[in-house]
Amino acid sequence: MGRKLPLTGRSGHLEWIEVSPEMTALIGRGLAAGVPLPPDPVILQYEFGGAGVQPAFRFGAVESASDDADLLFLFVQRSALHRIGGGSPGDEDAAGYHLPTELRTIALALL
């Protein structure tokens, strides 16, 4: 029998939730040392904006445009992302996408 999920923990300034063997959510900033991550992860970064910064979604962990923006990272196993219809992100995907109110509301619920 495996571990009962979700598991939660803290690593420095990061809080984490192991949602499933294929996904871990990290909230905050800092190194993910000791955090249980899925194999071959794709990083999905949600930035909720700060002073004068629009909320955005990015593939990959990139430096935030604002030091006071709340950040949520989802580490999703690449094969799981492909299974739900996603492709492998390219360099252009790190530029960011607008995060509409509906998706922002769902992501903020995790904070």
PDB file of N, CA and C in Angstrom:
ATOM      1  N   MET A   1       0.845  -1.171   0.000  1.00  0.00           N
ATOM      2  CA  MET A   1       0.000   0.000   0.000  1.00  0.00           C
ATOM      3  C   MET A   1       0.888   1.231   0.000  1.00  0.00           C
ATOM      4  N   GLY A   2       0.580   2.220  -0.853  1.00  0.00           N
ATOM      5  CA  GLY A   2       1.361   3.446  -0.956  1.00  0.00           C
ATOM      6  C   GLY A   2       1.019   4.430   0.136  1.00  0.00           C
ATOM      7  N   ARG A   3       1.625   5.598   0.033  1.00  0.00           N
ATOM      8  CA  ARG A   3       1.367   6.657   1.005  1.00  0.00           C
ATOM      9  C   ARG A   3      -0.003   7.268   0.771  1.00  0.00           C
ATOM     10  N   LYS A   4      -0.615   7.738   1.836  1.00  0.00           N
ATOM     11  CA  LYS A   4      -1.890   8.425   1.714  1.00  0.00           C
ATOM     12  C   LYS A   4      -1.615   9.862   1.284  1.00  0.00           C
ATOM     13  N   LEU A   5      -2.248  10.289   0.202  1.00  0.00           N
ATOM     14  CA  LEU A   5      -2.050  11.636  -0.326  1.00  0.00           C
ATOM     15  C   LEU A   5      -3.310  12.454  -0.134  1.00  0.00           C
ATOM     16  N   PRO A   6      -3.260  13.745  -0.072  1.00  0.00           N
ATOM     17  CA  PRO A   6      -2.062  14.564  -0.272  1.00  0.00           C
ATOM     18  C   PRO A   6      -1.213  14.666   0.979  1.00  0.00           C
ATOM     19  N   LEU A   7       0.094  14.746   0.762  1.00  0.00           N
ATOM     20  CA  LEU A   7       1.055  15.023   1.817  1.00  0.00           C
ATOM     21  C   LEU A   7       1.412  16.498   1.731  1.00  0.00           C
ATOM     22  N   THR A   8       1.737  17.117   2.851  1.00  0.00           N
ATOM     23  CA  THR A   8       2.109  18.526   2.838  1.00  0.00           C
ATOM     24  C   THR A   8       3.382  18.723   3.635  1.00  0.00           C
ATOM     25  N   GLY A   9       4.049  19.844   3.381  1.00  0.00           N
ATOM     26  CA  GLY A   9       5.253  20.153   4.131  1.00  0.00           C
ATOM     27  C   GLY A   9       5.736  21.556   3.852  1.00  0.00           C
ATOM     28  N   ARG A  10       6.881  21.869   4.415  1.00  0.00           N
ATOM     29  CA  ARG A  10       7.478  23.192   4.278  1.00  0.00           C
ATOM     30  C   ARG A  10       8.968  23.003   4.036  1.00  0.00           C
ATOM     31  N   SER A  11       9.534  23.822   3.141  1.00  0.00           N
ATOM     32  CA  SER A  11      10.965  23.821   2.857  1.00  0.00           C
ATOM     33  C   SER A  11      11.393  25.276   2.719  1.00  0.00           C
ATOM     34  N   GLY A  12      11.984  25.826   3.751  1.00  0.00           N
ATOM     35  CA  GLY A  12      12.367  27.237   3.723  1.00  0.00           C
ATOM     36  C   GLY A  12      11.129  28.114   3.624  1.00  0.00           C
ATOM     37  N   HIS A  13      11.077  28.947   2.584  1.00  0.00           N
ATOM     38  CA  HIS A  13       9.942  29.846   2.371  1.00  0.00           C
ATOM     39  C   HIS A  13       8.885  29.223   1.455  1.00  0.00           C
ATOM     40  N   LEU A  14       9.037  27.955   1.148  1.00  0.00           N
ATOM     41  CA  LEU A  14       8.087  27.255   0.284  1.00  0.00           C
ATOM     42  C   LEU A  14       7.193  26.335   1.107  1.00  0.00           C
ATOM     43  N   GLU A  15       5.924  26.280   0.742  1.00  0.00           N
ATOM     44  CA  GLU A  15       5.032  25.249   1.250  1.00  0.00           C
ATOM     45  C   GLU A  15       4.736  24.338   0.069  1.00  0.00           C
ATOM     46  N   TRP A  16       4.614  23.050   0.326  1.00  0.00           N
ATOM     47  CA  TRP A  16       4.351  22.124  -0.769  1.00  0.00           C
ATOM     48  C   TRP A  16       3.227  21.167  -0.421  1.00  0.00           C
ATOM     49  N   ILE A  17       2.580  20.697  -1.503  1.00  0.00           N
ATOM     50  CA  ILE A  17       1.508  19.707  -1.393  1.00  0.00           C
ATOM     51  C   ILE A  17       1.775  18.648  -2.457  1.00  0.00           C
ATOM     52  N   GLU A  18       1.998  17.412  -2.034  1.00  0.00           N
ATOM     53  CA  GLU A  18       2.123  16.321  -3.004  1.00  0.00           C
ATOM     54  C   GLU A  18       0.702  15.854  -3.297  1.00  0.00           C
ATOM     55  N   VAL A  19       0.168  16.342  -4.405  1.00  0.00           N
ATOM     56  CA  VAL A  19      -1.222  16.086  -4.781  1.00  0.00           C
ATOM     57  C   VAL A  19      -1.407  14.642  -5.220  1.00  0.00           C
ATOM     58  N   SER A  20      -0.445  14.140  -5.986  1.00  0.00           N
ATOM     59  CA  SER A  20      -0.473  12.760  -6.475  1.00  0.00           C
ATOM     60  C   SER A  20       0.963  12.394  -6.824  1.00  0.00           C
ATOM     61  N   PRO A  21       1.234  11.131  -7.187  1.00  0.00           N
ATOM     62  CA  PRO A  21       2.590  10.781  -7.620  1.00  0.00           C
ATOM     63  C   PRO A  21       3.009  11.531  -8.890  1.00  0.00           C
ATOM     64  N   GLU A  22       2.021  12.120  -9.602  1.00  0.00           N
ATOM     65  CA  GLU A  22       2.305  12.824 -10.854  1.00  0.00           C
ATOM     66  C   GLU A  22       2.305  14.347 -10.714  1.00  0.00           C
ATOM     67  N   MET A  23       1.985  14.885  -9.523  1.00  0.00           N
ATOM     68  CA  MET A  23       1.938  16.339  -9.379  1.00  0.00           C
ATOM     69  C   MET A  23       2.218  16.776  -7.949  1.00  0.00           C
ATOM     70  N   THR A  24       3.083  17.787  -7.831  1.00  0.00           N
ATOM     71  CA  THR A  24       3.345  18.454  -6.565  1.00  0.00           C
ATOM     72  C   THR A  24       3.152  19.948  -6.769  1.00  0.00           C
ATOM     73  N   ALA A  25       2.454  20.591  -5.842  1.00  0.00           N
ATOM     74  CA  ALA A  25       2.247  22.037  -5.878  1.00  0.00           C
ATOM     75  C   ALA A  25       3.187  22.690  -4.869  1.00  0.00           C
ATOM     76  N   LEU A  26       3.838  23.788  -5.270  1.00  0.00           N
ATOM     77  CA  LEU A  26       4.684  24.568  -4.381  1.00  0.00           C
ATOM     78  C   LEU A  26       4.149  25.988  -4.345  1.00  0.00           C
ATOM     79  N   ILE A  27       4.084  26.557  -3.165  1.00  0.00           N
ATOM     80  CA  ILE A  27       3.584  27.909  -2.984  1.00  0.00           C
ATOM     81  C   ILE A  27       4.677  28.715  -2.300  1.00  0.00           C
ATOM     82  N   GLY A  28       5.077  29.824  -2.911  1.00  0.00           N
ATOM     83  CA  GLY A  28       6.092  30.690  -2.332  1.00  0.00           C
ATOM     84  C   GLY A  28       7.302  30.817  -3.223  1.00  0.00           C
ATOM     85  N   ARG A  29       8.446  31.107  -2.586  1.00  0.00           N
ATOM     86  CA  ARG A  29       9.696  31.320  -3.311  1.00  0.00           C
ATOM     87  C   ARG A  29      10.829  30.566  -2.623  1.00  0.00           C
ATOM     88  N   GLY A  30      11.833  30.186  -3.382  1.00  0.00           N
ATOM     89  CA  GLY A  30      13.008  29.543  -2.807  1.00  0.00           C
ATOM     90  C   GLY A  30      13.326  28.225  -3.478  1.00  0.00           C
ATOM     91  N   LEU A  31      14.331  27.541  -2.936  1.00  0.00           N
ATOM     92  CA  LEU A  31      14.768  26.264  -3.485  1.00  0.00           C
ATOM     93  C   LEU A  31      13.848  25.146  -3.027  1.00  0.00           C
ATOM     94  N   ALA A  32      13.642  24.183  -3.900  1.00  0.00           N
ATOM     95  CA  ALA A  32      12.740  23.066  -3.608  1.00  0.00           C
ATOM     96  C   ALA A  32      13.498  21.872  -3.037  1.00  0.00           C
ATOM     97  N   ALA A  33      14.490  22.130  -2.203  1.00  0.00           N
ATOM     98  CA  ALA A  33      15.286  21.058  -1.612  1.00  0.00           C
ATOM     99  C   ALA A  33      14.418  20.187  -0.702  1.00  0.00           C
ATOM    100  N   GLY A  34      14.473  18.884  -0.924  1.00  0.00           N
ATOM    101  CA  GLY A  34      13.739  17.943  -0.082  1.00  0.00           C
ATOM    102  C   GLY A  34      12.263  17.809  -0.404  1.00  0.00           C
ATOM    103  N   VAL A  35      11.789  18.502  -1.434  1.00  0.00           N
ATOM    104  CA  VAL A  35      10.372  18.430  -1.814  1.00  0.00           C
ATOM    105  C   VAL A  35      10.175  17.226  -2.731  1.00  0.00           C
ATOM    106  N   PRO A  36       9.162  16.389  -2.476  1.00  0.00           N
ATOM    107  CA  PRO A  36       8.924  15.221  -3.345  1.00  0.00           C
ATOM    108  C   PRO A  36       8.354  15.663  -4.700  1.00  0.00           C
ATOM    109  N   LEU A  37       9.146  15.507  -5.753  1.00  0.00           N
ATOM    110  CA  LEU A  37       8.725  15.908  -7.094  1.00  0.00           C
ATOM    111  C   LEU A  37       8.499  14.669  -7.954  1.00  0.00           C
ATOM    112  N   PRO A  38       7.593  14.758  -8.926  1.00  0.00           N
ATOM    113  CA  PRO A  38       7.384  13.620  -9.826  1.00  0.00           C
ATOM    114  C   PRO A  38       8.573  13.472 -10.776  1.00  0.00           C
ATOM    115  N   PRO A  39       8.763  12.290 -11.349  1.00  0.00           N
ATOM    116  CA  PRO A  39       9.843  12.120 -12.325  1.00  0.00           C
ATOM    117  C   PRO A  39       9.536  12.906 -13.602  1.00  0.00           C
ATOM    118  N   ASP A  40      10.574  13.424 -14.245  1.00  0.00           N
ATOM    119  CA  ASP A  40      10.471  14.139 -15.521  1.00  0.00           C
ATOM    120  C   ASP A  40       9.382  15.221 -15.470  1.00  0.00           C
ATOM    121  N   PRO A  41       9.506  16.176 -14.539  1.00  0.00           N
ATOM    122  CA  PRO A  41       8.431  17.162 -14.383  1.00  0.00           C
ATOM    123  C   PRO A  41       8.485  18.302 -15.397  1.00  0.00           C
ATOM    124  N   VAL A  42       7.315  18.827 -15.703  1.00  0.00           N
ATOM    125  CA  VAL A  42       7.146  20.084 -16.417  1.00  0.00           C
ATOM    126  C   VAL A  42       6.664  21.068 -15.363  1.00  0.00           C
ATOM    127  N   ILE A  43       7.262  22.264 -15.342  1.00  0.00           N
ATOM    128  CA  ILE A  43       6.893  23.250 -14.321  1.00  0.00           C
ATOM    129  C   ILE A  43       5.875  24.221 -14.904  1.00  0.00           C
ATOM    130  N   LEU A  44       4.752  24.366 -14.208  1.00  0.00           N
ATOM    131  CA  LEU A  44       3.737  25.346 -14.559  1.00  0.00           C
ATOM    132  C   LEU A  44       3.791  26.419 -13.476  1.00  0.00           C
ATOM    133  N   GLN A  45       4.034  27.669 -13.860  1.00  0.00           N
ATOM    134  CA  GLN A  45       4.167  28.757 -12.894  1.00  0.00           C
ATOM    135  C   GLN A  45       2.987  29.710 -13.022  1.00  0.00           C
ATOM    136  N   TYR A  46       2.317  29.946 -11.912  1.00  0.00           N
ATOM    137  CA  TYR A  46       1.229  30.925 -11.839  1.00  0.00           C
ATOM    138  C   TYR A  46       1.724  32.098 -11.007  1.00  0.00           C
ATOM    139  N   GLU A  47       1.697  33.291 -11.593  1.00  0.00           N
ATOM    140  CA  GLU A  47       2.104  34.504 -10.891  1.00  0.00           C
ATOM    141  C   GLU A  47       0.872  35.390 -10.763  1.00  0.00           C
ATOM    142  N   PHE A  48       0.545  35.754  -9.539  1.00  0.00           N
ATOM    143  CA  PHE A  48      -0.706  36.467  -9.300  1.00  0.00           C
ATOM    144  C   PHE A  48      -0.579  37.970  -9.351  1.00  0.00           C
ATOM    145  N   GLY A  49       0.559  38.464  -9.767  1.00  0.00           N
ATOM    146  CA  GLY A  49       0.752  39.897  -9.940  1.00  0.00           C
ATOM    147  C   GLY A  49       1.080  40.592  -8.645  1.00  0.00           C
ATOM    148  N   GLY A  50       1.702  41.697  -8.786  1.00  0.00           N
ATOM    149  CA  GLY A  50       2.027  42.557  -7.656  1.00  0.00           C
ATOM    150  C   GLY A  50       1.662  43.964  -8.083  1.00  0.00           C
ATOM    151  N   ALA A  51       2.323  44.922  -7.524  1.00  0.00           N
ATOM    152  CA  ALA A  51       2.048  46.308  -7.873  1.00  0.00           C
ATOM    153  C   ALA A  51       2.334  46.548  -9.360  1.00  0.00           C
ATOM    154  N   GLY A  52       1.288  46.818 -10.129  1.00  0.00           N
ATOM    155  CA  GLY A  52       1.420  47.127 -11.554  1.00  0.00           C
ATOM    156  C   GLY A  52       1.739  45.947 -12.450  1.00  0.00           C
ATOM    157  N   VAL A  53       1.633  44.725 -11.949  1.00  0.00           N
ATOM    158  CA  VAL A  53       1.963  43.537 -12.735  1.00  0.00           C
ATOM    159  C   VAL A  53       0.700  42.694 -12.917  1.00  0.00           C
ATOM    160  N   GLN A  54       0.416  42.317 -14.171  1.00  0.00           N
ATOM    161  CA  GLN A  54      -0.750  41.499 -14.464  1.00  0.00           C
ATOM    162  C   GLN A  54      -0.495  40.039 -14.073  1.00  0.00           C
ATOM    163  N   PRO A  55      -1.517  39.335 -13.602  1.00  0.00           N
ATOM    164  CA  PRO A  55      -1.365  37.904 -13.335  1.00  0.00           C
ATOM    165  C   PRO A  55      -1.014  37.164 -14.632  1.00  0.00           C
ATOM    166  N   ALA A  56      -0.207  36.118 -14.522  1.00  0.00           N
ATOM    167  CA  ALA A  56       0.230  35.393 -15.720  1.00  0.00           C
ATOM    168  C   ALA A  56       0.462  33.922 -15.401  1.00  0.00           C
ATOM    169  N   PHE A  57       0.466  33.132 -16.464  1.00  0.00           N
ATOM    170  CA  PHE A  57       0.771  31.701 -16.408  1.00  0.00           C
ATOM    171  C   PHE A  57       1.957  31.473 -17.320  1.00  0.00           C
ATOM    172  N   ARG A  58       2.933  30.687 -16.870  1.00  0.00           N
ATOM    173  CA  ARG A  58       4.114  30.396 -17.684  1.00  0.00           C
ATOM    174  C   ARG A  58       4.472  28.918 -17.559  1.00  0.00           C
ATOM    175  N   PHE A  59       5.095  28.384 -18.607  1.00  0.00           N
ATOM    176  CA  PHE A  59       5.723  27.066 -18.520  1.00  0.00           C
ATOM    177  C   PHE A  59       7.154  27.296 -18.084  1.00  0.00           C
ATOM    178  N   GLY A  60       7.603  26.566 -17.102  1.00  0.00           N
ATOM    179  CA  GLY A  60       8.958  26.720 -16.599  1.00  0.00           C
ATOM    180  C   GLY A  60       9.008  27.744 -15.491  1.00  0.00           C
ATOM    181  N   ALA A  61       9.988  27.623 -14.633  1.00  0.00           N
ATOM    182  CA  ALA A  61      10.155  28.586 -13.547  1.00  0.00           C
ATOM    183  C   ALA A  61      11.006  29.731 -14.063  1.00  0.00           C
ATOM    184  N   VAL A  62      10.441  30.919 -14.077  1.00  0.00           N
ATOM    185  CA  VAL A  62      11.170  32.097 -14.533  1.00  0.00           C
ATOM    186  C   VAL A  62      11.141  33.140 -13.427  1.00  0.00           C
ATOM    187  N   GLU A  63      12.097  34.055 -13.491  1.00  0.00           N
ATOM    188  CA  GLU A  63      12.158  35.112 -12.485  1.00  0.00           C
ATOM    189  C   GLU A  63      10.894  35.948 -12.548  1.00  0.00           C
ATOM    190  N   SER A  64      10.347  36.247 -11.412  1.00  0.00           N
ATOM    191  CA  SER A  64       9.113  37.013 -11.312  1.00  0.00           C
ATOM    192  C   SER A  64       9.356  38.463 -11.669  1.00  0.00           C
ATOM    193  N   ALA A  65       8.356  39.089 -12.307  1.00  0.00           N
ATOM    194  CA  ALA A  65       8.439  40.504 -12.638  1.00  0.00           C
ATOM    195  C   ALA A  65       8.263  41.368 -11.401  1.00  0.00           C
ATOM    196  N   SER A  66       7.766  40.798 -10.338  1.00  0.00           N
ATOM    197  CA  SER A  66       7.487  41.559  -9.121  1.00  0.00           C
ATOM    198  C   SER A  66       7.919  40.753  -7.904  1.00  0.00           C
ATOM    199  N   ASP A  67       8.635  41.394  -6.999  1.00  0.00           N
ATOM    200  CA  ASP A  67       9.082  40.703  -5.786  1.00  0.00           C
ATOM    201  C   ASP A  67       7.953  40.434  -4.808  1.00  0.00           C
ATOM    202  N   ASP A  68       6.827  41.142  -4.959  1.00  0.00           N
ATOM    203  CA  ASP A  68       5.725  40.946  -4.015  1.00  0.00           C
ATOM    204  C   ASP A  68       4.596  40.104  -4.593  1.00  0.00           C
ATOM    205  N   ALA A  69       4.801  39.527  -5.773  1.00  0.00           N
ATOM    206  CA  ALA A  69       3.775  38.691  -6.383  1.00  0.00           C
ATOM    207  C   ALA A  69       3.737  37.329  -5.702  1.00  0.00           C
ATOM    208  N   ASP A  70       2.537  36.805  -5.509  1.00  0.00           N
ATOM    209  CA  ASP A  70       2.389  35.448  -4.995  1.00  0.00           C
ATOM    210  C   ASP A  70       2.654  34.474  -6.138  1.00  0.00           C
ATOM    211  N   LEU A  71       3.368  33.388  -5.852  1.00  0.00           N
ATOM    212  CA  LEU A  71       3.718  32.405  -6.878  1.00  0.00           C
ATOM    213  C   LEU A  71       3.215  31.024  -6.485  1.00  0.00           C
ATOM    214  N   LEU A  72       2.697  30.319  -7.485  1.00  0.00           N
ATOM    215  CA  LEU A  72       2.274  28.932  -7.333  1.00  0.00           C
ATOM    216  C   LEU A  72       2.940  28.149  -8.459  1.00  0.00           C
ATOM    217  N   PHE A  73       3.637  27.071  -8.104  1.00  0.00           N
ATOM    218  CA  PHE A  73       4.273  26.211  -9.100  1.00  0.00           C
ATOM    219  C   PHE A  73       3.619  24.836  -9.032  1.00  0.00           C
ATOM    220  N   LEU A  74       3.279  24.300 -10.182  1.00  0.00           N
ATOM    221  CA  LEU A  74       2.813  22.922 -10.275  1.00  0.00           C
ATOM    222  C   LEU A  74       3.873  22.135 -11.026  1.00  0.00           C
ATOM    223  N   PHE A  75       4.425  21.125 -10.389  1.00  0.00           N
ATOM    224  CA  PHE A  75       5.378  20.219 -11.033  1.00  0.00           C
ATOM    225  C   PHE A  75       4.561  19.003 -11.475  1.00  0.00           C
ATOM    226  N   VAL A  76       4.369  18.872 -12.781  1.00  0.00           N
ATOM    227  CA  VAL A  76       3.518  17.821 -13.343  1.00  0.00           C
ATOM    228  C   VAL A  76       4.382  16.879 -14.174  1.00  0.00           C
ATOM    229  N   GLN A  77       4.239  15.593 -13.939  1.00  0.00           N
ATOM    230  CA  GLN A  77       4.981  14.602 -14.721  1.00  0.00           C
ATOM    231  C   GLN A  77       4.638  14.778 -16.194  1.00  0.00           C
ATOM    232  N   ARG A  78       5.675  14.847 -17.045  1.00  0.00           N
ATOM    233  CA  ARG A  78       5.496  15.115 -18.479  1.00  0.00           C
ATOM    234  C   ARG A  78       4.498  14.153 -19.126  1.00  0.00           C
ATOM    235  N   SER A  79       4.550  12.869 -18.780  1.00  0.00           N
ATOM    236  CA  SER A  79       3.634  11.901 -19.390  1.00  0.00           C
ATOM    237  C   SER A  79       2.184  12.200 -18.995  1.00  0.00           C
ATOM    238  N   ALA A  80       1.957  12.724 -17.784  1.00  0.00           N
ATOM    239  CA  ALA A  80       0.602  13.091 -17.361  1.00  0.00           C
ATOM    240  C   ALA A  80       0.109  14.297 -18.151  1.00  0.00           C
ATOM    241  N   LEU A  81       0.982  15.258 -18.379  1.00  0.00           N
ATOM    242  CA  LEU A  81       0.615  16.428 -19.181  1.00  0.00           C
ATOM    243  C   LEU A  81       0.234  16.015 -20.601  1.00  0.00           C
ATOM    244  N   HIS A  82       1.003  15.104 -21.178  1.00  0.00           N
ATOM    245  CA  HIS A  82       0.694  14.606 -22.526  1.00  0.00           C
ATOM    246  C   HIS A  82      -0.624  13.830 -22.541  1.00  0.00           C
ATOM    247  N   ARG A  83      -0.882  13.082 -21.481  1.00  0.00           N
ATOM    248  CA  ARG A  83      -2.106  12.275 -21.411  1.00  0.00           C
ATOM    249  C   ARG A  83      -3.366  13.135 -21.429  1.00  0.00           C
ATOM    250  N   ILE A  84      -3.298  14.355 -20.856  1.00  0.00           N
ATOM    251  CA  ILE A  84      -4.490  15.218 -20.854  1.00  0.00           C
ATOM    252  C   ILE A  84      -4.511  16.169 -22.052  1.00  0.00           C
ATOM    253  N   GLY A  85      -3.619  15.926 -23.011  1.00  0.00           N
ATOM    254  CA  GLY A  85      -3.673  16.698 -24.254  1.00  0.00           C
ATOM    255  C   GLY A  85      -2.664  17.811 -24.370  1.00  0.00           C
ATOM    256  N   GLY A  86      -1.788  17.967 -23.393  1.00  0.00           N
ATOM    257  CA  GLY A  86      -0.765  19.012 -23.461  1.00  0.00           C
ATOM    258  C   GLY A  86       0.443  18.526 -24.226  1.00  0.00           C
ATOM    259  N   GLY A  87       1.167  19.461 -24.791  1.00  0.00           N
ATOM    260  CA  GLY A  87       2.398  19.136 -25.492  1.00  0.00           C
ATOM    261  C   GLY A  87       3.598  19.539 -24.657  1.00  0.00           C
ATOM    262  N   SER A  88       4.772  19.298 -25.170  1.00  0.00           N
ATOM    263  CA  SER A  88       5.980  19.731 -24.490  1.00  0.00           C
ATOM    264  C   SER A  88       6.165  21.217 -24.744  1.00  0.00           C
ATOM    265  N   PRO A  89       6.289  22.009 -23.695  1.00  0.00           N
ATOM    266  CA  PRO A  89       6.434  23.452 -23.877  1.00  0.00           C
ATOM    267  C   PRO A  89       7.758  23.819 -24.524  1.00  0.00           C
ATOM    268  N   GLY A  90       7.731  24.901 -25.295  1.00  0.00           N
ATOM    269  CA  GLY A  90       8.935  25.435 -25.923  1.00  0.00           C
ATOM    270  C   GLY A  90       9.398  26.680 -25.197  1.00  0.00           C
ATOM    271  N   ASP A  91      10.530  27.229 -25.630  1.00  0.00           N
ATOM    272  CA  ASP A  91      11.085  28.425 -24.993  1.00  0.00           C
ATOM    273  C   ASP A  91      10.114  29.601 -25.025  1.00  0.00           C
ATOM    274  N   GLU A  92       9.324  29.701 -26.083  1.00  0.00           N
ATOM    275  CA  GLU A  92       8.379  30.821 -26.201  1.00  0.00           C
ATOM    276  C   GLU A  92       7.270  30.758 -25.151  1.00  0.00           C
ATOM    277  N   ASP A  93       7.032  29.606 -24.564  1.00  0.00           N
ATOM    278  CA  ASP A  93       5.982  29.465 -23.558  1.00  0.00           C
ATOM    279  C   ASP A  93       6.361  30.104 -22.224  1.00  0.00           C
ATOM    280  N   ALA A  94       7.635  30.409 -22.012  1.00  0.00           N
ATOM    281  CA  ALA A  94       8.061  31.060 -20.773  1.00  0.00           C
ATOM    282  C   ALA A  94       7.704  32.545 -20.768  1.00  0.00           C
ATOM    283  N   ALA A  95       7.321  33.088 -21.927  1.00  0.00           N
ATOM    284  CA  ALA A  95       6.985  34.515 -22.019  1.00  0.00           C
ATOM    285  C   ALA A  95       5.763  34.850 -21.183  1.00  0.00           C
ATOM    286  N   GLY A  96       4.837  33.936 -21.079  1.00  0.00           N
ATOM    287  CA  GLY A  96       3.671  34.147 -20.227  1.00  0.00           C
ATOM    288  C   GLY A  96       2.383  34.304 -20.994  1.00  0.00           C
ATOM    289  N   TYR A  97       1.317  33.881 -20.359  1.00  0.00           N
ATOM    290  CA  TYR A  97      -0.029  33.957 -20.899  1.00  0.00           C
ATOM    291  C   TYR A  97      -0.911  34.658 -19.884  1.00  0.00           C
ATOM    292  N   HIS A  98      -1.894  35.376 -20.365  1.00  0.00           N
ATOM    293  CA  HIS A  98      -2.852  36.049 -19.487  1.00  0.00           C
ATOM    294  C   HIS A  98      -3.594  35.003 -18.659  1.00  0.00           C
ATOM    295  N   LEU A  99      -3.798  35.289 -17.401  1.00  0.00           N
ATOM    296  CA  LEU A  99      -4.517  34.380 -16.506  1.00  0.00           C
ATOM    297  C   LEU A  99      -5.905  34.969 -16.263  1.00  0.00           C
ATOM    298  N   PRO A 100      -6.949  34.446 -16.923  1.00  0.00           N
ATOM    299  CA  PRO A 100      -8.292  35.008 -16.759  1.00  0.00           C
ATOM    300  C   PRO A 100      -8.825  34.830 -15.337  1.00  0.00           C
ATOM    301  N   THR A 101      -9.792  35.615 -15.000  1.00  0.00           N
ATOM    302  CA  THR A 101     -10.355  35.645 -13.654  1.00  0.00           C
ATOM    303  C   THR A 101     -10.756  34.265 -13.166  1.00  0.00           C
ATOM    304  N   GLU A 102     -11.378  33.453 -14.013  1.00  0.00           N
ATOM    305  CA  GLU A 102     -11.852  32.131 -13.592  1.00  0.00           C
ATOM    306  C   GLU A 102     -10.699  31.242 -13.156  1.00  0.00           C
ATOM    307  N   LEU A 103      -9.612  31.210 -13.945  1.00  0.00           N
ATOM    308  CA  LEU A 103      -8.456  30.382 -13.588  1.00  0.00           C
ATOM    309  C   LEU A 103      -7.706  30.974 -12.403  1.00  0.00           C
ATOM    310  N   ARG A 104      -7.638  32.292 -12.330  1.00  0.00           N
ATOM    311  CA  ARG A 104      -6.988  32.948 -11.202  1.00  0.00           C
ATOM    312  C   ARG A 104      -7.706  32.590  -9.895  1.00  0.00           C
ATOM    313  N   THR A 105      -9.035  32.528  -9.943  1.00  0.00           N
ATOM    314  CA  THR A 105      -9.837  32.185  -8.755  1.00  0.00           C
ATOM    315  C   THR A 105      -9.517  30.763  -8.278  1.00  0.00           C
ATOM    316  N   ILE A 106      -9.402  29.839  -9.217  1.00  0.00           N
ATOM    317  CA  ILE A 106      -9.078  28.446  -8.858  1.00  0.00           C
ATOM    318  C   ILE A 106      -7.679  28.382  -8.242  1.00  0.00           C
ATOM    319  N   ALA A 107      -6.709  29.028  -8.883  1.00  0.00           N
ATOM    320  CA  ALA A 107      -5.336  28.983  -8.385  1.00  0.00           C
ATOM    321  C   ALA A 107      -5.225  29.676  -7.029  1.00  0.00           C
ATOM    322  N   LEU A 108      -5.925  30.792  -6.839  1.00  0.00           N
ATOM    323  CA  LEU A 108      -5.880  31.498  -5.554  1.00  0.00           C
ATOM    324  C   LEU A 108      -6.476  30.665  -4.423  1.00  0.00           C
ATOM    325  N   ALA A 109      -7.372  29.760  -4.742  1.00  0.00           N
ATOM    326  CA  ALA A 109      -7.955  28.905  -3.720  1.00  0.00           C
ATOM    327  C   ALA A 109      -6.888  28.018  -3.066  1.00  0.00           C
ATOM    328  N   LEU A 110      -5.811  27.725  -3.792  1.00  0.00           N
ATOM    329  CA  LEU A 110      -4.720  26.929  -3.236  1.00  0.00           C
ATOM    330  C   LEU A 110      -3.856  27.736  -2.287  1.00  0.00           C
ATOM    331  N   LEU A 111      -3.869  29.062  -2.448  1.00  0.00           N
ATOM    332  CA  LEU A 111      -3.062  29.897  -1.553  1.00  0.00           C
ATOM    333  C   LEU A 111      -3.790  30.019  -0.263  1.00  0.00           C
TER     334      LEU A 111
END
